[in-house]
Amino acid sequence: MTSHHDQLPGWRLERYLLQELPAEEMASVQRLVEGNPAQAARLEALRQSNEEVLARYPAGWMGRQIARRAQGPATASDAGRSPRSAWWARLWLLPAPAAVVLVALAALPLLRGVDEGGDPGLPLEIRLKGAEAHLLLHRKTEEGGERLRDGALARQHDQIQFQYQAAGQAYGLILSIDGAGQVTRHFPDQGSRAAPLQQAGVGSLEFAYELDDAPGWERFYFVTAAVPFDVDAVMSAAYRLAAASGSSADAGAQAAGAQEAGARPMGARPMGARAAGAVVAGPADLLDVPGLEQSLFTLRKERSCTRQEAP
């Protein structure tokens, strides 16, 4: 029988797998696991879950999410950082492969969404969302709506509803790039200038956007500023990014079939054509729009699974 004292908290098993515990505590956990089949089974299940998460999420995307939450608003000086914040800053001085591995491992508890009481050793910055302008996406359901998390799984025919928090930014533009390189402008649906943003509470768009069968990732950008800005310049940056995400093979066929194959927002005007031959394998960098703020929300896509096939 497993006693209360033999039951290890989930966060301690997690840190044991990451080899983050002190040497004496590592040895203590090792002895307990070796002598307790129930704890050994928990550890093995956690190890398998880690492997599944690492296989499911691109390491580059994972690193970007952790860095964005760890850094927070750029208002404090380096001297005022906590030791944990300074650790995250030093992480990016490591060689790229080592940094990606460390970030991926640190992200595992977050991606599983399991707290189990919380680890007092985890940096608080990771658990808090910054006050920057950002999108809130919902999937329409028979019951009303389902709030989506960044990186959530989506399928063809899902209808996505948009909300945003302006966080003090006065003007904004919402656009998306799908896994086939299609660039779609969502808000404002027309005009050459960014739209005024609702400042009080959460702003909502009146239409829903239906996902098509484009594979890979769907990227939603919320570009904001304190003053009005030119929409065309941002859209041009989106087309460049979409084109850079794939190859230029079969450019003529891709351009000719863009309108028939592209996703259509319900109540919004589709913008542009597919980038030639673009096939986005995973989330890329942000848009090249100097002087503007932007946030990125991504959805994972299942190409072959339709609504009827969904479990």
Protein backbone atom coordinates (compact mmCIF):
# COMPACT_ATOMS: atom_id res chain seq x y z
CA MET A 1 0.00 0.00 0.00
CA THR A 2 1.28 3.46 -0.84
CA SER A 3 1.37 5.75 2.18
CA HIS A 4 0.67 9.46 2.07
CA HIS A 5 4.36 10.16 2.61
CA ASP A 6 5.30 7.97 -0.37
CA GLN A 7 3.09 9.96 -2.76
CA LEU A 8 5.30 12.31 -4.77
CA PRO A 9 3.71 15.53 -6.10
CA GLY A 10 3.57 15.79 -9.85
CA TRP A 11 5.84 18.84 -10.03
CA ARG A 12 8.59 16.96 -8.16
CA LEU A 13 8.41 14.03 -10.58
CA GLU A 14 8.57 16.54 -13.43
CA ARG A 15 11.69 18.18 -12.04
CA TYR A 16 13.21 14.76 -11.39
CA LEU A 17 12.79 13.91 -15.07
CA LEU A 18 14.39 17.24 -15.99
CA GLN A 19 17.20 16.56 -13.47
CA GLU A 20 16.53 19.90 -11.78
CA LEU A 21 16.45 18.63 -8.19
CA PRO A 22 19.46 18.79 -5.84
CA ALA A 23 21.64 15.67 -5.91
CA GLU A 24 20.41 14.43 -2.53
CA GLU A 25 16.77 14.84 -3.52
CA MET A 26 17.40 13.18 -6.90
CA ALA A 27 18.77 10.14 -5.06
CA SER A 28 15.81 10.13 -2.65
CA VAL A 29 13.28 10.18 -5.48
CA GLN A 30 15.21 7.46 -7.30
CA ARG A 31 15.07 5.17 -4.25
CA LEU A 32 11.36 5.80 -3.77
CA VAL A 33 10.56 5.09 -7.42
CA GLU A 34 12.62 1.89 -7.45
CA GLY A 35 10.83 0.59 -4.36
CA ASN A 36 7.31 1.69 -5.23
CA PRO A 37 5.62 0.27 -8.37
CA ALA A 38 2.85 2.88 -8.25
CA GLN A 39 5.35 5.74 -8.30
CA ALA A 40 7.37 4.02 -11.02
CA ALA A 41 4.21 3.78 -13.14
CA ARG A 42 3.47 7.49 -12.61
CA LEU A 43 7.00 8.38 -13.62
CA GLU A 44 6.83 6.28 -16.78
CA ALA A 45 3.45 7.79 -17.74
CA LEU A 46 4.91 11.26 -17.26
CA ARG A 47 7.93 10.36 -19.38
CA GLN A 48 5.70 9.12 -22.21
CA SER A 49 3.54 12.24 -21.98
CA ASN A 50 6.66 14.40 -22.31
CA GLU A 51 7.68 12.53 -25.45
CA GLU A 52 4.21 12.97 -26.97
CA VAL A 53 4.21 16.71 -26.27
CA LEU A 54 7.70 17.18 -27.72
CA ALA A 55 6.63 15.30 -30.85
CA ARG A 56 3.43 17.34 -31.21
CA TYR A 57 4.71 20.90 -30.77
CA PRO A 58 7.47 22.49 -32.89
CA ALA A 59 10.40 23.42 -30.64
CA GLY A 60 10.75 26.87 -32.20
CA TRP A 61 7.12 27.72 -31.49
CA MET A 62 7.46 26.40 -27.96
CA GLY A 63 10.50 28.57 -27.33
CA ARG A 64 8.74 31.67 -28.62
CA GLN A 65 5.76 31.12 -26.33
CA ILE A 66 7.90 30.64 -23.23
CA ALA A 67 10.12 33.62 -24.05
CA ARG A 68 7.13 35.89 -24.60
CA ARG A 69 5.63 35.01 -21.22
CA ALA A 70 8.92 35.07 -19.37
CA GLN A 71 10.07 38.45 -20.64
CA GLY A 72 6.80 40.31 -20.03
CA PRO A 73 6.50 44.04 -20.75
CA ALA A 74 9.88 45.63 -21.43
CA THR A 75 9.68 48.24 -18.67
CA ALA A 76 12.02 46.99 -15.97
CA SER A 77 15.77 47.38 -16.15
CA ASP A 78 18.12 44.42 -16.02
CA ALA A 79 19.16 45.47 -12.55
CA GLY A 80 15.62 45.08 -11.31
CA ARG A 81 15.11 41.56 -12.63
CA SER A 82 14.58 38.67 -10.29
CA PRO A 83 17.13 35.82 -10.39
CA ARG A 84 14.57 33.72 -12.26
CA SER A 85 14.07 36.44 -14.89
CA ALA A 86 17.82 36.79 -15.29
CA TRP A 87 18.06 33.01 -15.81
CA TRP A 88 15.65 33.23 -18.75
CA ALA A 89 17.64 36.12 -20.21
CA ARG A 90 20.88 34.11 -19.97
CA LEU A 91 19.18 31.15 -21.66
CA TRP A 92 19.21 32.94 -25.01
CA LEU A 93 23.00 33.35 -24.80
CA LEU A 94 23.39 29.58 -25.15
CA PRO A 95 24.03 27.96 -28.54
CA ALA A 96 20.74 27.60 -30.41
CA PRO A 97 20.37 23.78 -30.13
CA ALA A 98 20.98 23.84 -26.37
CA ALA A 99 18.58 26.73 -25.82
CA VAL A 100 15.81 25.03 -27.81
CA VAL A 101 16.19 21.81 -25.82
CA LEU A 102 16.07 23.61 -22.47
CA VAL A 103 13.07 25.70 -23.46
CA ALA A 104 11.22 22.65 -24.79
CA LEU A 105 11.78 20.74 -21.56
CA ALA A 106 10.73 23.68 -19.41
CA ALA A 107 7.54 24.10 -21.44
CA LEU A 108 6.24 20.56 -20.93
CA PRO A 109 4.16 21.21 -17.78
CA LEU A 110 2.62 24.30 -19.41
CA LEU A 111 1.63 22.53 -22.62
CA ARG A 112 -0.01 19.70 -20.71
CA GLY A 113 -1.91 22.27 -18.65
CA VAL A 114 -1.32 20.23 -15.47
CA ASP A 115 -0.52 22.06 -12.24
CA GLU A 116 -1.13 19.48 -9.48
CA GLY A 117 -0.86 22.11 -6.79
CA GLY A 118 1.87 24.12 -8.47
CA ASP A 119 5.62 24.08 -8.10
CA PRO A 120 6.87 26.90 -5.86
CA GLY A 121 10.14 26.75 -7.77
CA LEU A 122 8.68 27.65 -11.16
CA PRO A 123 9.10 31.31 -12.14
CA LEU A 124 5.92 33.32 -11.73
CA GLU A 125 6.58 35.14 -15.00
CA ILE A 126 5.72 31.95 -16.91
CA ARG A 127 2.27 31.73 -15.32
CA LEU A 128 1.25 35.33 -15.98
CA LYS A 129 0.09 36.78 -19.27
CA GLY A 130 1.47 40.19 -20.11
CA ALA A 131 -0.70 43.25 -20.57
CA GLU A 132 0.07 43.64 -24.28
CA ALA A 133 -2.71 43.82 -26.86
CA HIS A 134 -3.75 40.30 -27.83
CA LEU A 135 -6.41 38.18 -29.51
CA LEU A 136 -9.00 35.93 -27.89
CA LEU A 137 -10.26 33.19 -30.22
CA HIS A 138 -13.39 31.10 -29.76
CA ARG A 139 -14.76 28.13 -31.71
CA LYS A 140 -18.52 28.12 -32.34
CA THR A 141 -20.24 25.06 -30.87
CA GLU A 142 -23.82 23.88 -30.44
CA GLU A 143 -23.65 25.13 -26.85
CA GLY A 144 -22.41 28.57 -27.90
CA GLY A 145 -18.64 28.90 -27.96
CA GLU A 146 -15.40 27.30 -26.80
CA ARG A 147 -12.43 29.44 -25.76
CA LEU A 148 -9.27 28.35 -27.60
CA ARG A 149 -5.74 28.43 -26.27
CA ASP A 150 -2.72 29.41 -28.33
CA GLY A 151 -1.61 26.26 -30.16
CA ALA A 152 -5.00 24.51 -29.86
CA LEU A 153 -6.09 21.88 -32.38
CA ALA A 154 -8.50 23.04 -35.09
CA ARG A 155 -10.22 21.31 -38.01
CA GLN A 156 -11.67 22.11 -41.39
CA HIS A 157 -15.09 23.84 -41.13
CA ASP A 158 -14.45 25.10 -37.59
CA GLN A 159 -15.96 28.58 -37.28
CA ILE A 160 -13.64 30.92 -35.38
CA GLN A 161 -14.92 34.02 -33.61
CA PHE A 162 -12.59 36.90 -32.78
CA GLN A 163 -12.24 39.04 -29.70
CA TYR A 164 -9.38 41.32 -28.72
CA GLN A 165 -8.03 43.32 -25.83
CA ALA A 166 -6.53 46.61 -26.93
CA ALA A 167 -4.43 47.16 -23.77
CA GLY A 168 -4.23 50.88 -24.46
CA GLN A 169 -3.49 50.61 -28.19
CA ALA A 170 -5.80 52.88 -30.21
CA TYR A 171 -5.72 51.34 -33.72
CA GLY A 172 -5.44 47.79 -35.01
CA LEU A 173 -5.51 45.30 -37.88
CA ILE A 174 -6.28 41.57 -37.71
CA LEU A 175 -5.12 39.21 -40.46
CA SER A 176 -4.23 35.55 -40.85
CA ILE A 177 -1.92 33.29 -42.86
CA ASP A 178 -2.97 29.67 -43.29
CA GLY A 179 -0.88 26.58 -43.91
CA ALA A 180 -1.18 26.95 -47.69
CA GLY A 181 0.03 30.55 -47.70
CA GLN A 182 -3.40 32.21 -48.00
CA VAL A 183 -3.42 35.71 -46.49
CA THR A 184 -6.82 36.90 -45.24
CA ARG A 185 -7.67 40.31 -43.87
CA HIS A 186 -10.28 40.14 -41.10
CA PHE A 187 -10.49 43.57 -39.45
CA PRO A 188 -11.09 46.15 -40.73
CA ASP A 189 -12.53 44.40 -43.79
CA GLN A 190 -11.97 47.43 -46.03
CA GLY A 191 -10.22 50.78 -46.13
CA SER A 192 -6.58 51.79 -46.23
CA ARG A 193 -6.13 52.64 -42.54
CA ALA A 194 -6.19 50.58 -39.36
CA ALA A 195 -9.46 50.56 -37.43
CA PRO A 196 -10.09 52.30 -34.09
CA LEU A 197 -10.06 49.77 -31.25
CA GLN A 198 -12.55 49.42 -28.43
CA GLN A 199 -10.80 50.50 -25.24
CA ALA A 200 -13.22 49.39 -22.53
CA GLY A 201 -13.39 45.66 -21.88
CA VAL A 202 -13.09 43.20 -24.77
CA GLY A 203 -13.79 44.08 -28.40
CA SER A 204 -15.68 41.55 -30.54
CA LEU A 205 -15.88 41.08 -34.31
CA GLU A 206 -19.36 40.45 -35.69
CA PHE A 207 -18.44 37.69 -38.14
CA ALA A 208 -17.00 34.18 -37.84
CA TYR A 209 -14.13 32.83 -39.95
CA GLU A 210 -14.52 29.30 -41.33
CA LEU A 211 -11.33 27.26 -41.62
CA ASP A 212 -10.64 25.47 -44.89
CA ASP A 213 -8.57 22.33 -45.50
CA ALA A 214 -5.17 24.05 -45.48
CA PRO A 215 -2.73 21.89 -43.48
CA GLY A 216 -0.27 22.77 -40.76
CA TRP A 217 -0.75 25.96 -38.80
CA GLU A 218 -3.18 28.88 -39.00
CA ARG A 219 -1.51 32.10 -37.82
CA PHE A 220 -3.59 35.08 -36.64
CA TYR A 221 -1.86 38.45 -36.29
CA PHE A 222 -3.09 41.41 -34.26
CA VAL A 223 -1.09 44.48 -35.33
CA THR A 224 -1.63 47.61 -33.22
CA ALA A 225 -0.38 51.15 -32.66
CA ALA A 226 -1.20 54.31 -30.74
CA VAL A 227 -1.80 56.22 -34.01
CA PRO A 228 -3.45 55.29 -37.34
CA PHE A 229 -1.23 53.29 -39.71
CA ASP A 230 -1.29 52.08 -43.31
CA VAL A 231 -2.95 48.70 -43.85
CA ASP A 232 -1.33 48.02 -47.23
CA ALA A 233 2.16 48.07 -45.74
CA VAL A 234 1.20 45.42 -43.20
CA MET A 235 -0.57 43.27 -45.80
CA SER A 236 2.53 43.44 -48.00
CA ALA A 237 4.61 42.20 -45.08
CA ALA A 238 2.14 39.34 -44.61
CA TYR A 239 2.40 38.32 -48.28
CA ARG A 240 6.20 38.36 -48.04
CA LEU A 241 6.11 36.19 -44.93
CA ALA A 242 3.66 33.74 -46.51
CA ALA A 243 5.84 33.46 -49.62
CA ALA A 244 8.99 32.99 -47.57
CA SER A 245 7.36 30.14 -45.64
CA GLY A 246 7.32 27.83 -48.65
CA SER A 247 8.84 27.18 -52.05
CA SER A 248 8.02 28.75 -55.40
CA ALA A 249 7.23 25.47 -57.13
CA ASP A 250 4.24 25.39 -59.48
CA ALA A 251 3.62 29.11 -59.03
CA GLY A 252 1.16 29.41 -61.89
CA ALA A 253 -1.08 26.57 -60.72
CA GLN A 254 -1.13 27.86 -57.16
CA ALA A 255 -2.08 31.39 -58.22
CA ALA A 256 -4.80 30.15 -60.59
CA GLY A 257 -6.43 27.98 -57.93
CA ALA A 258 -6.21 30.46 -55.08
CA GLN A 259 -9.79 31.72 -55.14
CA GLU A 260 -11.36 28.25 -55.37
CA ALA A 261 -9.18 26.66 -52.66
CA GLY A 262 -8.89 29.51 -50.19
CA ALA A 263 -10.71 29.84 -46.89
CA ARG A 264 -13.61 32.28 -46.77
CA PRO A 265 -14.41 34.42 -43.75
CA MET A 266 -18.15 34.63 -43.11
CA GLY A 267 -19.06 38.30 -43.38
CA ALA A 268 -15.51 39.46 -44.16
CA ARG A 269 -13.82 40.15 -47.48
CA PRO A 270 -11.09 37.65 -48.57
CA MET A 271 -7.85 39.44 -49.42
CA GLY A 272 -5.21 38.46 -51.95
CA ALA A 273 -4.17 35.13 -53.36
CA ARG A 274 -2.08 32.27 -52.09
CA ALA A 275 1.65 32.80 -52.05
CA ALA A 276 3.13 30.76 -54.89
CA GLY A 277 3.71 27.21 -53.76
CA ALA A 278 3.65 28.19 -50.09
CA VAL A 279 3.44 25.32 -47.65
CA VAL A 280 3.83 26.41 -44.04
CA ALA A 281 5.29 23.64 -41.90
CA GLY A 282 5.02 25.54 -38.63
CA PRO A 283 4.73 29.06 -37.19
CA ALA A 284 7.34 31.42 -38.63
CA ASP A 285 8.65 34.71 -37.28
CA LEU A 286 6.54 37.78 -36.78
CA LEU A 287 5.68 40.25 -39.52
CA ASP A 288 8.32 42.76 -40.57
CA VAL A 289 6.42 45.90 -39.54
CA PRO A 290 8.84 48.29 -37.78
CA GLY A 291 7.23 50.71 -35.36
CA LEU A 292 4.09 48.63 -34.84
CA GLU A 293 3.18 46.25 -32.04
CA GLN A 294 1.93 42.77 -32.87
CA SER A 295 0.77 39.59 -31.20
CA LEU A 296 0.47 36.15 -32.77
CA PHE A 297 -2.14 33.46 -32.07
CA THR A 298 -1.68 30.04 -33.69
CA LEU A 299 -3.96 27.06 -34.27
CA ARG A 300 -2.78 23.58 -35.22
CA LYS A 301 -4.63 22.09 -38.19
CA GLU A 302 -5.68 18.53 -38.96
CA ARG A 303 -5.93 18.29 -42.72
CA SER A 304 -7.88 15.06 -43.09
CA CYS A 305 -10.20 15.26 -40.08
CA THR A 306 -13.55 16.87 -40.81
CA ARG A 307 -16.24 17.80 -38.32
CA GLN A 308 -18.08 14.52 -38.92
CA GLU A 309 -14.89 12.53 -38.28
CA ALA A 310 -13.97 14.38 -35.11
CA PRO A 311 -14.15 12.24 -31.97
